[in-house]
C-alpha atoms as a PDB file:
ATOM      1  CA  MET A   1     232.979  42.264 110.944  1.00  0.00           C
ATOM      2  CA  ASN A   2     236.668  41.386 111.213  1.00  0.00           C
ATOM      3  CA  ASN A   3     236.992  37.779 112.378  1.00  0.00           C
ATOM      4  CA  GLU A   4     240.533  38.261 113.691  1.00  0.00           C
ATOM      5  CA  ASP A   5     240.864  38.631 117.451  1.00  0.00           C
ATOM      6  CA  TYR A   6     241.394  42.237 118.479  1.00  0.00           C
ATOM      7  CA  GLU A   7     244.320  42.884 120.793  1.00  0.00           C
ATOM      8  CA  PHE A   8     243.996  45.743 123.286  1.00  0.00           C
ATOM      9  CA  GLU A   9     247.153  47.844 123.311  1.00  0.00           C
ATOM     10  CA  ARG A  10     246.839  49.622 126.667  1.00  0.00           C
ATOM     11  CA  VAL A  11     245.203  48.047 129.696  1.00  0.00           C
ATOM     12  CA  ILE A  12     244.828  49.045 133.352  1.00  0.00           C
ATOM     13  CA  GLU A  13     246.352  46.509 135.713  1.00  0.00           C
ATOM     14  CA  THR A  14     246.277  48.118 139.177  1.00  0.00           C
ATOM     15  CA  GLU A  15     243.818  50.042 141.335  1.00  0.00           C
ATOM     16  CA  GLU A  16     246.320  52.889 141.508  1.00  0.00           C
ATOM     17  CA  GLN A  17     246.279  53.235 137.724  1.00  0.00           C
ATOM     18  CA  LEU A  18     242.489  53.122 137.713  1.00  0.00           C
ATOM     19  CA  GLU A  19     242.121  55.756 140.424  1.00  0.00           C
ATOM     20  CA  SER A  20     244.613  58.052 138.680  1.00  0.00           C
ATOM     21  CA  ILE A  21     242.297  58.076 135.643  1.00  0.00           C
ATOM     22  CA  ILE A  22     238.815  57.951 137.190  1.00  0.00           C
ATOM     23  CA  GLY A  23     239.407  59.680 140.521  1.00  0.00           C
ATOM     24  CA  HIS A  24     237.758  58.982 143.887  1.00  0.00           C
ATOM     25  CA  PRO A  25     234.098  58.816 145.003  1.00  0.00           C
ATOM     26  CA  SER A  26     232.610  61.677 146.969  1.00  0.00           C
ATOM     27  CA  GLU A  27     231.800  61.473 150.679  1.00  0.00           C
ATOM     28  CA  LEU A  28     228.105  61.194 149.786  1.00  0.00           C
ATOM     29  CA  VAL A  29     228.744  58.211 147.523  1.00  0.00           C
ATOM     30  CA  ASN A  30     230.920  56.514 150.141  1.00  0.00           C
ATOM     31  CA  ASN A  31     228.259  56.926 152.823  1.00  0.00           C
ATOM     32  CA  LYS A  32     225.107  55.986 150.891  1.00  0.00           C
ATOM     33  CA  VAL A  33     225.646  52.233 151.263  1.00  0.00           C
ATOM     34  CA  ILE A  34     223.650  50.552 154.028  1.00  0.00           C
ATOM     35  CA  SER A  35     223.531  46.922 155.150  1.00  0.00           C
ATOM     36  CA  ILE A  36     219.783  46.529 155.636  1.00  0.00           C
ATOM     37  CA  LEU A  37     216.546  46.934 153.716  1.00  0.00           C
ATOM     38  CA  ASP A  38     215.123  50.007 155.442  1.00  0.00           C
ATOM     39  CA  GLN A  39     211.630  51.364 154.745  1.00  0.00           C
ATOM     40  CA  ASN A  40     212.889  53.253 151.678  1.00  0.00           C
ATOM     41  CA  CYS A  41     214.465  50.175 150.108  1.00  0.00           C
ATOM     42  CA  SER A  42     211.442  48.039 150.964  1.00  0.00           C
ATOM     43  CA  LYS A  43     209.133  50.580 149.279  1.00  0.00           C
ATOM     44  CA  PHE A  44     211.348  50.611 146.191  1.00  0.00           C
ATOM     45  CA  ILE A  45     211.256  46.806 145.938  1.00  0.00           C
ATOM     46  CA  ALA A  46     207.481  46.757 146.495  1.00  0.00           C
ATOM     47  CA  ASN A  47     207.074  49.029 143.458  1.00  0.00           C
ATOM     48  CA  SER A  48     209.508  47.153 141.226  1.00  0.00           C
ATOM     49  CA  PRO A  49     208.222  44.664 138.608  1.00  0.00           C
ATOM     50  CA  PHE A  50     211.677  43.827 137.247  1.00  0.00           C
ATOM     51  CA  LEU A  51     215.215  43.052 138.373  1.00  0.00           C
ATOM     52  CA  VAL A  52     218.410  41.519 137.077  1.00  0.00           C
ATOM     53  CA  ILE A  53     220.457  39.107 139.149  1.00  0.00           C
ATOM     54  CA  SER A  54     224.176  38.523 138.667  1.00  0.00           C
ATOM     55  CA  SER A  55     225.927  35.384 139.817  1.00  0.00           C
ATOM     56  CA  SER A  56     229.068  33.385 139.129  1.00  0.00           C
ATOM     57  CA  ASP A  57     230.207  29.837 139.605  1.00  0.00           C
ATOM     58  CA  GLU A  58     233.099  28.760 141.825  1.00  0.00           C
ATOM     59  CA  SER A  59     235.589  29.457 139.020  1.00  0.00           C
ATOM     60  CA  GLY A  60     234.295  33.013 138.502  1.00  0.00           C
ATOM     61  CA  PHE A  61     232.374  32.410 135.255  1.00  0.00           C
ATOM     62  CA  CYS A  62     229.646  35.062 135.368  1.00  0.00           C
ATOM     63  CA  ASP A  63     225.992  35.241 134.415  1.00  0.00           C
ATOM     64  CA  VAL A  64     223.337  37.971 134.529  1.00  0.00           C
ATOM     65  CA  SER A  65     219.684  37.023 134.273  1.00  0.00           C
ATOM     66  CA  PRO A  66     216.382  38.966 134.318  1.00  0.00           C
ATOM     67  CA  ARG A  67     213.452  38.330 136.651  1.00  0.00           C
ATOM     68  CA  GLY A  68     210.077  40.012 136.313  1.00  0.00           C
ATOM     69  CA  ASP A  69     206.445  39.783 137.363  1.00  0.00           C
ATOM     70  CA  GLN A  70     203.687  41.983 138.705  1.00  0.00           C
ATOM     71  CA  THR A  71     204.750  44.852 140.970  1.00  0.00           C
ATOM     72  CA  GLY A  72     205.811  43.562 144.374  1.00  0.00           C
ATOM     73  CA  PHE A  73     206.617  40.022 143.243  1.00  0.00           C
ATOM     74  CA  VAL A  74     209.776  40.076 145.359  1.00  0.00           C
ATOM     75  CA  GLU A  75     208.902  39.762 149.043  1.00  0.00           C
ATOM     76  CA  VAL A  76     210.909  41.528 151.724  1.00  0.00           C
ATOM     77  CA  LEU A  77     210.900  39.155 154.695  1.00  0.00           C
ATOM     78  CA  SER A  78     212.962  41.278 157.083  1.00  0.00           C
ATOM     79  CA  GLU A  79     215.583  44.003 157.109  1.00  0.00           C
ATOM     80  CA  LYS A  80     218.158  41.399 156.078  1.00  0.00           C
ATOM     81  CA  LYS A  81     216.262  38.960 153.875  1.00  0.00           C
ATOM     82  CA  LEU A  82     214.182  38.929 150.708  1.00  0.00           C
ATOM     83  CA  ILE A  83     212.922  36.168 148.437  1.00  0.00           C
ATOM     84  CA  ILE A  84     212.490  36.039 144.657  1.00  0.00           C
ATOM     85  CA  PRO A  85     210.054  33.504 143.139  1.00  0.00           C
ATOM     86  CA  GLU A  86     211.624  31.352 140.447  1.00  0.00           C
ATOM     87  CA  ARG A  87     209.028  31.268 137.654  1.00  0.00           C
ATOM     88  CA  PRO A  88     209.128  28.710 134.794  1.00  0.00           C
ATOM     89  CA  GLY A  89     211.987  29.307 132.359  1.00  0.00           C
ATOM     90  CA  ASN A  90     214.128  27.388 129.919  1.00  0.00           C
ATOM     91  CA  LYS A  91     215.415  24.990 132.615  1.00  0.00           C
ATOM     92  CA  ARG A  92     219.076  25.895 132.069  1.00  0.00           C
ATOM     93  CA  MET A  93     219.073  27.062 135.694  1.00  0.00           C
ATOM     94  CA  ASP A  94     222.276  29.077 135.235  1.00  0.00           C
ATOM     95  CA  THR A  95     221.632  31.350 138.223  1.00  0.00           C
ATOM     96  CA  MET A  96     220.555  28.534 140.532  1.00  0.00           C
ATOM     97  CA  ARG A  97     223.471  26.293 139.540  1.00  0.00           C
ATOM     98  CA  ASN A  98     225.834  29.182 140.248  1.00  0.00           C
ATOM     99  CA  ILE A  99     224.285  29.811 143.670  1.00  0.00           C
ATOM    100  CA  LEU A 100     224.929  26.188 144.631  1.00  0.00           C
ATOM    101  CA  SER A 101     228.663  26.641 144.025  1.00  0.00           C
ATOM    102  CA  ASN A 102     228.999  30.337 144.912  1.00  0.00           C
ATOM    103  CA  PRO A 103     226.224  32.068 146.902  1.00  0.00           C
ATOM    104  CA  ARG A 104     227.329  35.653 146.141  1.00  0.00           C
ATOM    105  CA  VAL A 105     224.805  37.564 144.029  1.00  0.00           C
ATOM    106  CA  GLY A 106     224.083  41.123 142.945  1.00  0.00           C
ATOM    107  CA  LEU A 107     220.600  42.492 142.238  1.00  0.00           C
ATOM    108  CA  ILE A 108     219.443  45.637 140.461  1.00  0.00           C
ATOM    109  CA  PHE A 109     215.779  46.602 140.852  1.00  0.00           C
ATOM    110  CA  PHE A 110     214.052  48.748 138.216  1.00  0.00           C
ATOM    111  CA  ILE A 111     210.872  50.823 138.326  1.00  0.00           C
ATOM    112  CA  PRO A 112     209.550  51.828 134.860  1.00  0.00           C
ATOM    113  CA  GLY A 113     209.973  55.546 134.256  1.00  0.00           C
ATOM    114  CA  LEU A 114     212.397  56.021 137.170  1.00  0.00           C
ATOM    115  CA  GLY A 115     216.032  56.603 136.302  1.00  0.00           C
ATOM    116  CA  GLU A 116     217.471  55.610 139.655  1.00  0.00           C
ATOM    117  CA  THR A 117     217.820  51.907 140.423  1.00  0.00           C
ATOM    118  CA  LEU A 118     218.275  49.987 143.678  1.00  0.00           C
ATOM    119  CA  ARG A 119     221.302  47.734 144.040  1.00  0.00           C
ATOM    120  CA  VAL A 120     221.379  44.903 146.544  1.00  0.00           C
ATOM    121  CA  ASN A 121     224.346  42.595 147.116  1.00  0.00           C
ATOM    122  CA  GLY A 122     224.436  39.556 149.350  1.00  0.00           C
ATOM    123  CA  LYS A 123     224.408  35.798 149.736  1.00  0.00           C
ATOM    124  CA  ALA A 124     221.732  33.663 148.100  1.00  0.00           C
ATOM    125  CA  THR A 125     220.089  30.386 149.051  1.00  0.00           C
ATOM    126  CA  LEU A 126     217.703  28.157 147.092  1.00  0.00           C
ATOM    127  CA  VAL A 127     214.544  27.882 149.179  1.00  0.00           C
ATOM    128  CA  THR A 128     211.683  25.365 149.077  1.00  0.00           C
ATOM    129  CA  ASP A 129     209.772  26.451 152.214  1.00  0.00           C
ATOM    130  CA  GLU A 130     206.148  25.618 151.414  1.00  0.00           C
ATOM    131  CA  ASP A 131     204.640  28.535 153.330  1.00  0.00           C
ATOM    132  CA  LEU A 132     206.776  31.053 151.444  1.00  0.00           C
ATOM    133  CA  LEU A 133     206.191  29.466 148.037  1.00  0.00           C
ATOM    134  CA  GLU A 134     202.441  29.314 148.595  1.00  0.00           C
ATOM    135  CA  LYS A 135     202.328  33.082 149.219  1.00  0.00           C
ATOM    136  CA  MET A 136     204.042  33.685 145.869  1.00  0.00           C
ATOM    137  CA  ALA A 137     201.588  31.601 143.846  1.00  0.00           C
ATOM    138  CA  VAL A 138     200.021  33.202 140.765  1.00  0.00           C
ATOM    139  CA  ARG A 139     196.964  31.812 138.956  1.00  0.00           C
ATOM    140  CA  GLY A 140     197.002  28.927 141.417  1.00  0.00           C
ATOM    141  CA  LYS A 141     200.558  27.955 140.507  1.00  0.00           C
ATOM    142  CA  LYS A 142     203.264  28.311 143.117  1.00  0.00           C
ATOM    143  CA  PRO A 143     206.953  28.498 142.206  1.00  0.00           C
ATOM    144  CA  LEU A 144     208.910  25.299 142.760  1.00  0.00           C
ATOM    145  CA  VAL A 145     211.852  27.216 144.184  1.00  0.00           C
ATOM    146  CA  GLY A 146     212.552  30.653 145.614  1.00  0.00           C
ATOM    147  CA  ILE A 147     215.858  32.512 145.680  1.00  0.00           C
ATOM    148  CA  GLY A 148     216.407  33.821 149.181  1.00  0.00           C
ATOM    149  CA  VAL A 149     218.944  36.625 149.579  1.00  0.00           C
ATOM    150  CA  GLU A 150     220.656  37.715 152.790  1.00  0.00           C
ATOM    151  CA  VAL A 151     221.401  41.409 152.306  1.00  0.00           C
ATOM    152  CA  GLU A 152     224.941  42.686 152.842  1.00  0.00           C
ATOM    153  CA  GLU A 153     224.880  45.934 150.830  1.00  0.00           C
ATOM    154  CA  CYS A 154     222.039  48.104 149.600  1.00  0.00           C
ATOM    155  CA  TYR A 155     222.157  51.470 147.841  1.00  0.00           C
ATOM    156  CA  ILE A 156     220.601  53.704 145.215  1.00  0.00           C
ATOM    157  CA  HIS A 157     222.351  53.983 141.851  1.00  0.00           C
ATOM    158  CA  CYS A 158     222.072  57.310 140.018  1.00  0.00           C
ATOM    159  CA  ALA A 159     220.074  57.854 136.803  1.00  0.00           C
ATOM    160  CA  LYS A 160     222.921  58.838 134.453  1.00  0.00           C
ATOM    161  CA  ALA A 161     222.823  55.602 132.441  1.00  0.00           C
ATOM    162  CA  PHE A 162     219.080  55.964 131.838  1.00  0.00           C
ATOM    163  CA  LYS A 163     219.407  59.627 130.919  1.00  0.00           C
ATOM    164  CA  ARG A 164     222.212  58.894 128.466  1.00  0.00           C
ATOM    165  CA  SER A 165     220.394  55.942 126.905  1.00  0.00           C
ATOM    166  CA  GLY A 166     216.896  57.453 126.863  1.00  0.00           C
ATOM    167  CA  LEU A 167     215.636  53.998 127.778  1.00  0.00           C
ATOM    168  CA  TRP A 168     212.318  55.180 129.245  1.00  0.00           C
ATOM    169  CA  ASN A 169     211.732  57.709 126.441  1.00  0.00           C
ATOM    170  CA  PRO A 170     209.377  56.200 123.798  1.00  0.00           C
ATOM    171  CA  ASP A 171     210.771  58.635 121.214  1.00  0.00           C
ATOM    172  CA  SER A 172     214.082  56.763 121.396  1.00  0.00           C
ATOM    173  CA  TRP A 173     212.540  53.342 120.773  1.00  0.00           C
ATOM    174  CA  LEU A 174     213.030  51.568 117.438  1.00  0.00           C
ATOM    175  CA  ASP A 175     210.111  50.895 115.139  1.00  0.00           C
ATOM    176  CA  GLN A 176     208.785  47.346 115.525  1.00  0.00           C
ATOM    177  CA  ASP A 177     210.020  46.300 112.080  1.00  0.00           C
ATOM    178  CA  LEU A 178     213.580  47.338 112.991  1.00  0.00           C
ATOM    179  CA  LEU A 179     213.781  45.302 116.209  1.00  0.00           C
ATOM    180  CA  PRO A 180     216.037  42.210 116.290  1.00  0.00           C
ATOM    181  CA  SER A 181     214.216  38.915 115.809  1.00  0.00           C
ATOM    182  CA  ALA A 182     214.733  36.543 118.730  1.00  0.00           C
ATOM    183  CA  ALA A 183     213.416  33.640 116.653  1.00  0.00           C
ATOM    184  CA  LYS A 184     215.925  34.356 113.871  1.00  0.00           C
ATOM    185  CA  MET A 185     218.789  34.567 116.329  1.00  0.00           C
ATOM    186  CA  ILE A 186     217.829  31.287 118.028  1.00  0.00           C
ATOM    187  CA  TYR A 187     217.428  29.574 114.642  1.00  0.00           C
ATOM    188  CA  GLU A 188     220.841  30.689 113.418  1.00  0.00           C
ATOM    189  CA  HIS A 189     222.597  29.979 116.721  1.00  0.00           C
ATOM    190  CA  ALA A 190     221.061  26.578 117.486  1.00  0.00           C
ATOM    191  CA  LYS A 191     221.123  25.223 113.913  1.00  0.00           C
ATOM    192  CA  LEU A 192     218.723  22.411 114.791  1.00  0.00           C
ATOM    193  CA  PRO A 193     217.508  20.296 111.844  1.00  0.00           C
ATOM    194  CA  GLY A 194     213.804  20.410 111.162  1.00  0.00           C
ATOM    195  CA  THR A 195     213.373  23.914 112.546  1.00  0.00           C
ATOM    196  CA  SER A 196     212.728  27.247 110.897  1.00  0.00           C
ATOM    197  CA  VAL A 197     212.434  30.848 112.010  1.00  0.00           C
ATOM    198  CA  GLU A 198     208.664  30.475 111.756  1.00  0.00           C
ATOM    199  CA  SER A 199     208.535  27.288 113.852  1.00  0.00           C
ATOM    200  CA  ILE A 200     210.691  28.821 116.560  1.00  0.00           C
ATOM    201  CA  GLN A 201     208.569  31.980 116.561  1.00  0.00           C
ATOM    202  CA  ALA A 202     205.461  29.835 117.025  1.00  0.00           C
ATOM    203  CA  ARG A 203     207.162  27.960 119.864  1.00  0.00           C
ATOM    204  CA  LEU A 204     208.074  31.211 121.590  1.00  0.00           C
ATOM    205  CA  ALA A 205     204.557  32.587 121.189  1.00  0.00           C
ATOM    206  CA  LYS A 206     203.067  29.429 122.715  1.00  0.00           C
ATOM    207  CA  SER A 207     205.481  29.565 125.635  1.00  0.00           C
ATOM    208  CA  TYR A 208     204.699  33.222 126.326  1.00  0.00           C
ATOM    209  CA  ALA A 209     200.957  32.553 126.168  1.00  0.00           C
ATOM    210  CA  GLN A 210     200.799  29.309 128.167  1.00  0.00           C
ATOM    211  CA  LYS A 211     203.921  28.929 130.335  1.00  0.00           C
ATOM    212  CA  LEU A 212     204.455  32.136 132.270  1.00  0.00           C
ATOM    213  CA  TYR A 213     203.533  30.426 135.562  1.00  0.00           C
END
């Protein structure tokens, strides 16, 4: 890999330039966005075990983070509000720190095997309401915090990305021995003395086995 910074030669700087290249959305695309979680969106969320949430801090520095649990782990409270349980993680709290300085978030909900995804945009709040947290308990352990989202936009995203990538097609998956090693990456990135790939792998395995909730 070349270590020198690459300089882009031609960049788009205006919406007019962008539209002249990409074109304009169809009437169907323009009209598919709604501002509530109707019965269709609620059903989609109830069948989704996984989502990603995007956020940024007050300066615009962005982050995207996954959330996952058993199907229906996200609770739709009303047509305008949902709540996501915050399960134990690495305690960096990137998403939650961002929400404190900038409440705008974007969500994409996935259902395994389905190419279409559900996108939800809105304003987030960190919630500690006991009655809500108790209902999201798993194995007797309730989340310490929930991420409440007030819905502003909601719409289905087409399946083209999944069809191009073959993500849900097992024939496209790499053999296990060809997959990247998370432990190796952490070891080489963190460079902590007294650690090894093996010790980090053992630490990950313990966390996955004992600290999911």
